Amino acid sequence: MTSCGRIVFRYDYEARKSVAYEPERCMVGCTTCANTCTEQAISFQPLSDIRLLIKRNKILKRVKKVALLDRDRFGLPESGPTA
């Protein structure tokens, strides 16, 4: 519960354990909670499974399409800011 910097977990005093109170705040790819859980009660799908889902569902192609639509809709420049 204390290892999460995004405050996903809360302590459930009735159940006397930590619970994922706001799982939507979880950051994709972060596994700090699983790595530090002393009870080994948290696990995540292997990254290879996630990559396969991304590829199978053509997620990157869909994200790029939405990004281009947003760029056109909001009149954004074709490239991001340069340093």
PDB file of N, CA and C in Angstrom:
ATOM      1  N   MET A   1       0.825  -1.191   0.000  1.00  0.00           N
ATOM      2  CA  MET A   1       0.000   0.000   0.000  1.00  0.00           C
ATOM      3  C   MET A   1       0.869   1.255   0.000  1.00  0.00           C
ATOM      4  N   THR A   2       1.958   1.253   0.738  1.00  0.00           N
ATOM      5  CA  THR A   2       2.781   2.453   0.858  1.00  0.00           C
ATOM      6  C   THR A   2       3.767   2.617  -0.285  1.00  0.00           C
ATOM      7  N   SER A   3       3.934   1.606  -1.120  1.00  0.00           N
ATOM      8  CA  SER A   3       4.914   1.706  -2.204  1.00  0.00           C
ATOM      9  C   SER A   3       4.360   2.410  -3.435  1.00  0.00           C
ATOM     10  N   CYS A   4       3.054   2.586  -3.518  1.00  0.00           N
ATOM     11  CA  CYS A   4       2.432   3.155  -4.711  1.00  0.00           C
ATOM     12  C   CYS A   4       2.453   4.677  -4.667  1.00  0.00           C
ATOM     13  N   GLY A   5       3.152   5.268  -5.603  1.00  0.00           N
ATOM     14  CA  GLY A   5       3.228   6.718  -5.695  1.00  0.00           C
ATOM     15  C   GLY A   5       1.992   7.350  -6.307  1.00  0.00           C
ATOM     16  N   ARG A   6       1.117   6.532  -6.890  1.00  0.00           N
ATOM     17  CA  ARG A   6      -0.087   7.048  -7.539  1.00  0.00           C
ATOM     18  C   ARG A   6      -1.327   6.893  -6.655  1.00  0.00           C
ATOM     19  N   ILE A   7      -1.122   6.446  -5.435  1.00  0.00           N
ATOM     20  CA  ILE A   7      -2.183   6.326  -4.429  1.00  0.00           C
ATOM     21  C   ILE A   7      -3.357   5.466  -4.937  1.00  0.00           C
ATOM     22  N   VAL A   8      -3.033   4.302  -5.459  1.00  0.00           N
ATOM     23  CA  VAL A   8      -4.033   3.361  -5.948  1.00  0.00           C
ATOM     24  C   VAL A   8      -4.672   2.613  -4.777  1.00  0.00           C
ATOM     25  N   PHE A   9      -3.880   2.333  -3.753  1.00  0.00           N
ATOM     26  CA  PHE A   9      -4.338   1.485  -2.657  1.00  0.00           C
ATOM     27  C   PHE A   9      -4.809   2.287  -1.441  1.00  0.00           C
ATOM     28  N   ARG A  10      -5.743   1.688  -0.701  1.00  0.00           N
ATOM     29  CA  ARG A  10      -6.193   2.209   0.581  1.00  0.00           C
ATOM     30  C   ARG A  10      -6.235   1.019   1.539  1.00  0.00           C
ATOM     31  N   TYR A  11      -6.274   1.313   2.798  1.00  0.00           N
ATOM     32  CA  TYR A  11      -6.388   0.246   3.780  1.00  0.00           C
ATOM     33  C   TYR A  11      -7.853   0.069   4.145  1.00  0.00           C
ATOM     34  N   ASP A  12      -8.337  -1.157   4.003  1.00  0.00           N
ATOM     35  CA  ASP A  12      -9.715  -1.491   4.370  1.00  0.00           C
ATOM     36  C   ASP A  12      -9.682  -1.994   5.815  1.00  0.00           C
ATOM     37  N   TYR A  13     -10.136  -1.151   6.734  1.00  0.00           N
ATOM     38  CA  TYR A  13     -10.064  -1.477   8.154  1.00  0.00           C
ATOM     39  C   TYR A  13     -10.982  -2.637   8.535  1.00  0.00           C
ATOM     40  N   GLU A  14     -12.109  -2.784   7.837  1.00  0.00           N
ATOM     41  CA  GLU A  14     -12.997  -3.911   8.113  1.00  0.00           C
ATOM     42  C   GLU A  14     -12.360  -5.234   7.707  1.00  0.00           C
ATOM     43  N   ALA A  15     -11.812  -5.259   6.501  1.00  0.00           N
ATOM     44  CA  ALA A  15     -11.185  -6.480   5.992  1.00  0.00           C
ATOM     45  C   ALA A  15      -9.771  -6.664   6.539  1.00  0.00           C
ATOM     46  N   ARG A  16      -9.231  -5.572   7.098  1.00  0.00           N
ATOM     47  CA  ARG A  16      -7.869  -5.571   7.664  1.00  0.00           C
ATOM     48  C   ARG A  16      -6.811  -5.924   6.621  1.00  0.00           C
ATOM     49  N   LYS A  17      -6.942  -5.270   5.452  1.00  0.00           N
ATOM     50  CA  LYS A  17      -5.958  -5.476   4.394  1.00  0.00           C
ATOM     51  C   LYS A  17      -6.008  -4.314   3.400  1.00  0.00           C
ATOM     52  N   SER A  18      -4.980  -4.221   2.586  1.00  0.00           N
ATOM     53  CA  SER A  18      -4.937  -3.207   1.531  1.00  0.00           C
ATOM     54  C   SER A  18      -5.823  -3.644   0.377  1.00  0.00           C
ATOM     55  N   VAL A  19      -6.441  -2.662  -0.251  1.00  0.00           N
ATOM     56  CA  VAL A  19      -7.273  -2.936  -1.422  1.00  0.00           C
ATOM     57  C   VAL A  19      -6.942  -1.918  -2.509  1.00  0.00           C
ATOM     58  N   ALA A  20      -7.119  -2.333  -3.755  1.00  0.00           N
ATOM     59  CA  ALA A  20      -6.940  -1.415  -4.879  1.00  0.00           C
ATOM     60  C   ALA A  20      -8.192  -0.545  -4.941  1.00  0.00           C
ATOM     61  N   TYR A  21      -8.131   0.596  -4.307  1.00  0.00           N
ATOM     62  CA  TYR A  21      -9.275   1.488  -4.152  1.00  0.00           C
ATOM     63  C   TYR A  21      -9.548   2.284  -5.426  1.00  0.00           C
ATOM     64  N   GLU A  22      -8.476   2.699  -6.100  1.00  0.00           N
ATOM     65  CA  GLU A  22      -8.623   3.462  -7.344  1.00  0.00           C
ATOM     66  C   GLU A  22      -7.727   2.848  -8.420  1.00  0.00           C
ATOM     67  N   PRO A  23      -8.067   1.642  -8.924  1.00  0.00           N
ATOM     68  CA  PRO A  23      -7.204   0.960  -9.890  1.00  0.00           C
ATOM     69  C   PRO A  23      -7.012   1.733 -11.199  1.00  0.00           C
ATOM     70  N   GLU A  24      -7.943   2.628 -11.520  1.00  0.00           N
ATOM     71  CA  GLU A  24      -7.792   3.408 -12.755  1.00  0.00           C
ATOM     72  C   GLU A  24      -6.609   4.371 -12.686  1.00  0.00           C
ATOM     73  N   ARG A  25      -6.085   4.616 -11.499  1.00  0.00           N
ATOM     74  CA  ARG A  25      -4.916   5.486 -11.339  1.00  0.00           C
ATOM     75  C   ARG A  25      -3.605   4.734 -11.587  1.00  0.00           C
ATOM     76  N   CYS A  26      -3.698   3.419 -11.704  1.00  0.00           N
ATOM     77  CA  CYS A  26      -2.514   2.584 -11.913  1.00  0.00           C
ATOM     78  C   CYS A  26      -1.839   2.968 -13.234  1.00  0.00           C
ATOM     79  N   MET A  27      -0.535   3.039 -13.229  1.00  0.00           N
ATOM     80  CA  MET A  27       0.212   3.403 -14.429  1.00  0.00           C
ATOM     81  C   MET A  27       0.629   2.138 -15.170  1.00  0.00           C
ATOM     82  N   VAL A  28       0.286   2.077 -16.434  1.00  0.00           N
ATOM     83  CA  VAL A  28       0.627   0.917 -17.257  1.00  0.00           C
ATOM     84  C   VAL A  28       2.134   0.692 -17.246  1.00  0.00           C
ATOM     85  N   GLY A  29       2.516  -0.528 -16.978  1.00  0.00           N
ATOM     86  CA  GLY A  29       3.932  -0.888 -16.971  1.00  0.00           C
ATOM     87  C   GLY A  29       4.587  -0.813 -15.610  1.00  0.00           C
ATOM     88  N   CYS A  30       3.953  -0.142 -14.658  1.00  0.00           N
ATOM     89  CA  CYS A  30       4.518  -0.055 -13.315  1.00  0.00           C
ATOM     90  C   CYS A  30       4.209  -1.348 -12.574  1.00  0.00           C
ATOM     91  N   THR A  31       5.187  -1.915 -11.940  1.00  0.00           N
ATOM     92  CA  THR A  31       4.974  -3.149 -11.173  1.00  0.00           C
ATOM     93  C   THR A  31       5.533  -3.015  -9.753  1.00  0.00           C
ATOM     94  N   THR A  32       5.667  -1.785  -9.292  1.00  0.00           N
ATOM     95  CA  THR A  32       6.246  -1.552  -7.972  1.00  0.00           C
ATOM     96  C   THR A  32       5.465  -2.276  -6.888  1.00  0.00           C
ATOM     97  N   CYS A  33       4.152  -2.222  -6.938  1.00  0.00           N
ATOM     98  CA  CYS A  33       3.345  -2.869  -5.896  1.00  0.00           C
ATOM     99  C   CYS A  33       3.595  -4.377  -5.864  1.00  0.00           C
ATOM    100  N   ALA A  34       3.657  -5.010  -7.020  1.00  0.00           N
ATOM    101  CA  ALA A  34       3.916  -6.453  -7.073  1.00  0.00           C
ATOM    102  C   ALA A  34       5.315  -6.773  -6.576  1.00  0.00           C
ATOM    103  N   ASN A  35       6.282  -5.928  -6.924  1.00  0.00           N
ATOM    104  CA  ASN A  35       7.666  -6.181  -6.520  1.00  0.00           C
ATOM    105  C   ASN A  35       7.897  -5.993  -5.034  1.00  0.00           C
ATOM    106  N   THR A  36       7.090  -5.150  -4.402  1.00  0.00           N
ATOM    107  CA  THR A  36       7.315  -4.864  -2.985  1.00  0.00           C
ATOM    108  C   THR A  36       6.299  -5.512  -2.052  1.00  0.00           C
ATOM    109  N   CYS A  37       5.297  -6.181  -2.589  1.00  0.00           N
ATOM    110  CA  CYS A  37       4.278  -6.816  -1.752  1.00  0.00           C
ATOM    111  C   CYS A  37       4.895  -7.970  -0.968  1.00  0.00           C
ATOM    112  N   THR A  38       4.887  -7.856   0.345  1.00  0.00           N
ATOM    113  CA  THR A  38       5.508  -8.884   1.192  1.00  0.00           C
ATOM    114  C   THR A  38       4.728 -10.196   1.178  1.00  0.00           C
ATOM    115  N   GLU A  39       3.460 -10.144   0.795  1.00  0.00           N
ATOM    116  CA  GLU A  39       2.633 -11.356   0.746  1.00  0.00           C
ATOM    117  C   GLU A  39       2.606 -11.981  -0.647  1.00  0.00           C
ATOM    118  N   GLN A  40       3.264 -11.342  -1.618  1.00  0.00           N
ATOM    119  CA  GLN A  40       3.252 -11.773  -3.022  1.00  0.00           C
ATOM    120  C   GLN A  40       1.814 -11.972  -3.520  1.00  0.00           C
ATOM    121  N   ALA A  41       0.951 -11.034  -3.145  1.00  0.00           N
ATOM    122  CA  ALA A  41      -0.470 -11.124  -3.472  1.00  0.00           C
ATOM    123  C   ALA A  41      -0.834 -10.409  -4.769  1.00  0.00           C
ATOM    124  N   ILE A  42       0.135  -9.759  -5.401  1.00  0.00           N
ATOM    125  CA  ILE A  42      -0.145  -8.982  -6.608  1.00  0.00           C
ATOM    126  C   ILE A  42       0.693  -9.531  -7.751  1.00  0.00           C
ATOM    127  N   SER A  43       0.054  -9.720  -8.896  1.00  0.00           N
ATOM    128  CA  SER A  43       0.800 -10.160 -10.084  1.00  0.00           C
ATOM    129  C   SER A  43       0.226  -9.480 -11.316  1.00  0.00           C
ATOM    130  N   PHE A  44       1.013  -9.446 -12.357  1.00  0.00           N
ATOM    131  CA  PHE A  44       0.610  -8.838 -13.617  1.00  0.00           C
ATOM    132  C   PHE A  44       0.889  -9.804 -14.755  1.00  0.00           C
ATOM    133  N   GLN A  45       0.174  -9.614 -15.839  1.00  0.00           N
ATOM    134  CA  GLN A  45       0.440 -10.398 -17.034  1.00  0.00           C
ATOM    135  C   GLN A  45       1.870 -10.119 -17.497  1.00  0.00           C
ATOM    136  N   PRO A  46       2.541 -11.109 -18.059  1.00  0.00           N
ATOM    137  CA  PRO A  46       3.869 -10.847 -18.617  1.00  0.00           C
ATOM    138  C   PRO A  46       3.780  -9.818 -19.756  1.00  0.00           C
ATOM    139  N   LEU A  47       4.819  -9.008 -19.895  1.00  0.00           N
ATOM    140  CA  LEU A  47       4.831  -7.987 -20.953  1.00  0.00           C
ATOM    141  C   LEU A  47       4.666  -8.606 -22.337  1.00  0.00           C
ATOM    142  N   SER A  48       5.172  -9.818 -22.526  1.00  0.00           N
ATOM    143  CA  SER A  48       5.027 -10.475 -23.833  1.00  0.00           C
ATOM    144  C   SER A  48       3.550 -10.682 -24.171  1.00  0.00           C
ATOM    145  N   ASP A  49       2.714 -10.999 -23.180  1.00  0.00           N
ATOM    146  CA  ASP A  49       1.270 -11.143 -23.409  1.00  0.00           C
ATOM    147  C   ASP A  49       0.642  -9.808 -23.785  1.00  0.00           C
ATOM    148  N   ILE A  50       1.057  -8.758 -23.109  1.00  0.00           N
ATOM    149  CA  ILE A  50       0.514  -7.424 -23.385  1.00  0.00           C
ATOM    150  C   ILE A  50       0.909  -6.970 -24.785  1.00  0.00           C
ATOM    151  N   ARG A  51       2.164  -7.203 -25.151  1.00  0.00           N
ATOM    152  CA  ARG A  51       2.618  -6.835 -26.507  1.00  0.00           C
ATOM    153  C   ARG A  51       1.830  -7.589 -27.574  1.00  0.00           C
ATOM    154  N   LEU A  52       1.541  -8.858 -27.314  1.00  0.00           N
ATOM    155  CA  LEU A  52       0.760  -9.651 -28.257  1.00  0.00           C
ATOM    156  C   LEU A  52      -0.648  -9.080 -28.410  1.00  0.00           C
ATOM    157  N   LEU A  53      -1.273  -8.695 -27.307  1.00  0.00           N
ATOM    158  CA  LEU A  53      -2.600  -8.075 -27.374  1.00  0.00           C
ATOM    159  C   LEU A  53      -2.567  -6.769 -28.156  1.00  0.00           C
ATOM    160  N   ILE A  54      -1.537  -5.963 -27.931  1.00  0.00           N
ATOM    161  CA  ILE A  54      -1.392  -4.697 -28.655  1.00  0.00           C
ATOM    162  C   ILE A  54      -1.289  -4.952 -30.151  1.00  0.00           C
ATOM    163  N   LYS A  55      -0.481  -5.945 -30.508  1.00  0.00           N
ATOM    164  CA  LYS A  55      -0.292  -6.272 -31.921  1.00  0.00           C
ATOM    165  C   LYS A  55      -1.563  -6.868 -32.520  1.00  0.00           C
ATOM    166  N   ARG A  56      -2.155  -7.814 -31.821  1.00  0.00           N
ATOM    167  CA  ARG A  56      -3.348  -8.508 -32.321  1.00  0.00           C
ATOM    168  C   ARG A  56      -4.511  -7.553 -32.516  1.00  0.00           C
ATOM    169  N   ASN A  57      -4.663  -6.587 -31.628  1.00  0.00           N
ATOM    170  CA  ASN A  57      -5.775  -5.642 -31.703  1.00  0.00           C
ATOM    171  C   ASN A  57      -5.428  -4.352 -32.435  1.00  0.00           C
ATOM    172  N   LYS A  58      -4.231  -4.307 -33.008  1.00  0.00           N
ATOM    173  CA  LYS A  58      -3.776  -3.157 -33.799  1.00  0.00           C
ATOM    174  C   LYS A  58      -3.937  -1.843 -33.037  1.00  0.00           C
ATOM    175  N   ILE A  59      -3.559  -1.889 -31.772  1.00  0.00           N
ATOM    176  CA  ILE A  59      -3.719  -0.732 -30.895  1.00  0.00           C
ATOM    177  C   ILE A  59      -2.897   0.464 -31.370  1.00  0.00           C
ATOM    178  N   LEU A  60      -1.642   0.230 -31.748  1.00  0.00           N
ATOM    179  CA  LEU A  60      -0.790   1.355 -32.180  1.00  0.00           C
ATOM    180  C   LEU A  60      -1.361   2.050 -33.403  1.00  0.00           C
ATOM    181  N   LYS A  61      -1.887   1.288 -34.345  1.00  0.00           N
ATOM    182  CA  LYS A  61      -2.488   1.885 -35.544  1.00  0.00           C
ATOM    183  C   LYS A  61      -3.684   2.747 -35.153  1.00  0.00           C
ATOM    184  N   ARG A  62      -4.494   2.270 -34.200  1.00  0.00           N
ATOM    185  CA  ARG A  62      -5.664   3.018 -33.757  1.00  0.00           C
ATOM    186  C   ARG A  62      -5.265   4.284 -33.002  1.00  0.00           C
ATOM    187  N   VAL A  63      -4.232   4.193 -32.178  1.00  0.00           N
ATOM    188  CA  VAL A  63      -3.762   5.358 -31.426  1.00  0.00           C
ATOM    189  C   VAL A  63      -3.222   6.422 -32.380  1.00  0.00           C
ATOM    190  N   LYS A  64      -2.451   5.997 -33.377  1.00  0.00           N
ATOM    191  CA  LYS A  64      -1.916   6.948 -34.356  1.00  0.00           C
ATOM    192  C   LYS A  64      -3.048   7.647 -35.111  1.00  0.00           C
ATOM    193  N   LYS A  65      -4.088   6.886 -35.464  1.00  0.00           N
ATOM    194  CA  LYS A  65      -5.225   7.473 -36.177  1.00  0.00           C
ATOM    195  C   LYS A  65      -5.901   8.551 -35.324  1.00  0.00           C
ATOM    196  N   VAL A  66      -6.119   8.257 -34.053  1.00  0.00           N
ATOM    197  CA  VAL A  66      -6.738   9.230 -33.144  1.00  0.00           C
ATOM    198  C   VAL A  66      -5.834  10.450 -32.985  1.00  0.00           C
ATOM    199  N   ALA A  67      -4.523  10.224 -32.881  1.00  0.00           N
ATOM    200  CA  ALA A  67      -3.586  11.340 -32.727  1.00  0.00           C
ATOM    201  C   ALA A  67      -3.629  12.253 -33.947  1.00  0.00           C
ATOM    202  N   LEU A  68      -3.702  11.666 -35.137  1.00  0.00           N
ATOM    203  CA  LEU A  68      -3.781  12.481 -36.357  1.00  0.00           C
ATOM    204  C   LEU A  68      -5.102  13.251 -36.423  1.00  0.00           C
ATOM    205  N   LEU A  69      -6.185  12.604 -36.028  1.00  0.00           N
ATOM    206  CA  LEU A  69      -7.476  13.295 -36.004  1.00  0.00           C
ATOM    207  C   LEU A  69      -7.450  14.460 -35.019  1.00  0.00           C
ATOM    208  N   ASP A  70      -6.864  14.233 -33.853  1.00  0.00           N
ATOM    209  CA  ASP A  70      -6.746  15.306 -32.856  1.00  0.00           C
ATOM    210  C   ASP A  70      -5.880  16.441 -33.379  1.00  0.00           C
ATOM    211  N   ARG A  71      -4.783  16.091 -34.042  1.00  0.00           N
ATOM    212  CA  ARG A  71      -3.902  17.117 -34.582  1.00  0.00           C
ATOM    213  C   ARG A  71      -4.673  18.014 -35.547  1.00  0.00           C
ATOM    214  N   ASP A  72      -5.442  17.378 -36.433  1.00  0.00           N
ATOM    215  CA  ASP A  72      -6.200  18.145 -37.421  1.00  0.00           C
ATOM    216  C   ASP A  72      -7.334  18.937 -36.756  1.00  0.00           C
ATOM    217  N   ARG A  73      -8.000  18.322 -35.803  1.00  0.00           N
ATOM    218  CA  ARG A  73      -9.138  18.966 -35.143  1.00  0.00           C
ATOM    219  C   ARG A  73      -8.706  20.176 -34.325  1.00  0.00           C
ATOM    220  N   PHE A  74      -7.553  20.082 -33.672  1.00  0.00           N
ATOM    221  CA  PHE A  74      -7.093  21.163 -32.814  1.00  0.00           C
ATOM    222  C   PHE A  74      -6.045  22.057 -33.469  1.00  0.00           C
ATOM    223  N   GLY A  75      -5.734  21.799 -34.730  1.00  0.00           N
ATOM    224  CA  GLY A  75      -4.767  22.628 -35.440  1.00  0.00           C
ATOM    225  C   GLY A  75      -3.369  22.545 -34.858  1.00  0.00           C
ATOM    226  N   LEU A  76      -2.983  21.364 -34.398  1.00  0.00           N
ATOM    227  CA  LEU A  76      -1.663  21.188 -33.792  1.00  0.00           C
ATOM    228  C   LEU A  76      -0.592  21.055 -34.866  1.00  0.00           C
ATOM    229  N   PRO A  77       0.649  21.419 -34.559  1.00  0.00           N
ATOM    230  CA  PRO A  77       1.724  21.260 -35.541  1.00  0.00           C
ATOM    231  C   PRO A  77       1.993  19.785 -35.814  1.00  0.00           C
ATOM    232  N   GLU A  78       2.601  19.498 -36.964  1.00  0.00           N
ATOM    233  CA  GLU A  78       2.857  18.116 -37.348  1.00  0.00           C
ATOM    234  C   GLU A  78       3.899  17.452 -36.453  1.00  0.00           C
ATOM    235  N   SER A  79       4.797  18.214 -35.867  1.00  0.00           N
ATOM    236  CA  SER A  79       5.781  17.620 -34.967  1.00  0.00           C
ATOM    237  C   SER A  79       5.694  18.335 -33.632  1.00  0.00           C
ATOM    238  N   GLY A  80       6.205  17.651 -32.601  1.00  0.00           N
ATOM    239  CA  GLY A  80       6.161  18.202 -31.263  1.00  0.00           C
ATOM    240  C   GLY A  80       7.166  19.328 -31.076  1.00  0.00           C
ATOM    241  N   PRO A  81       7.227  19.879 -29.882  1.00  0.00           N
ATOM    242  CA  PRO A  81       8.169  20.959 -29.598  1.00  0.00           C
ATOM    243  C   PRO A  81       9.615  20.457 -29.716  1.00  0.00           C
ATOM    244  N   THR A  82      10.480  21.348 -30.124  1.00  0.00           N
ATOM    245  CA  THR A  82      11.901  20.990 -30.221  1.00  0.00           C
ATOM    246  C   THR A  82      12.652  21.666 -29.099  1.00  0.00           C
ATOM    247  N   ALA A  83      13.665  20.974 -28.642  1.00  0.00           N
ATOM    248  CA  ALA A  83      14.456  21.511 -27.521  1.00  0.00           C
ATOM    249  C   ALA A  83      15.529  22.437 -28.016  1.00  0.00           C
TER     250      ALA A  83
END
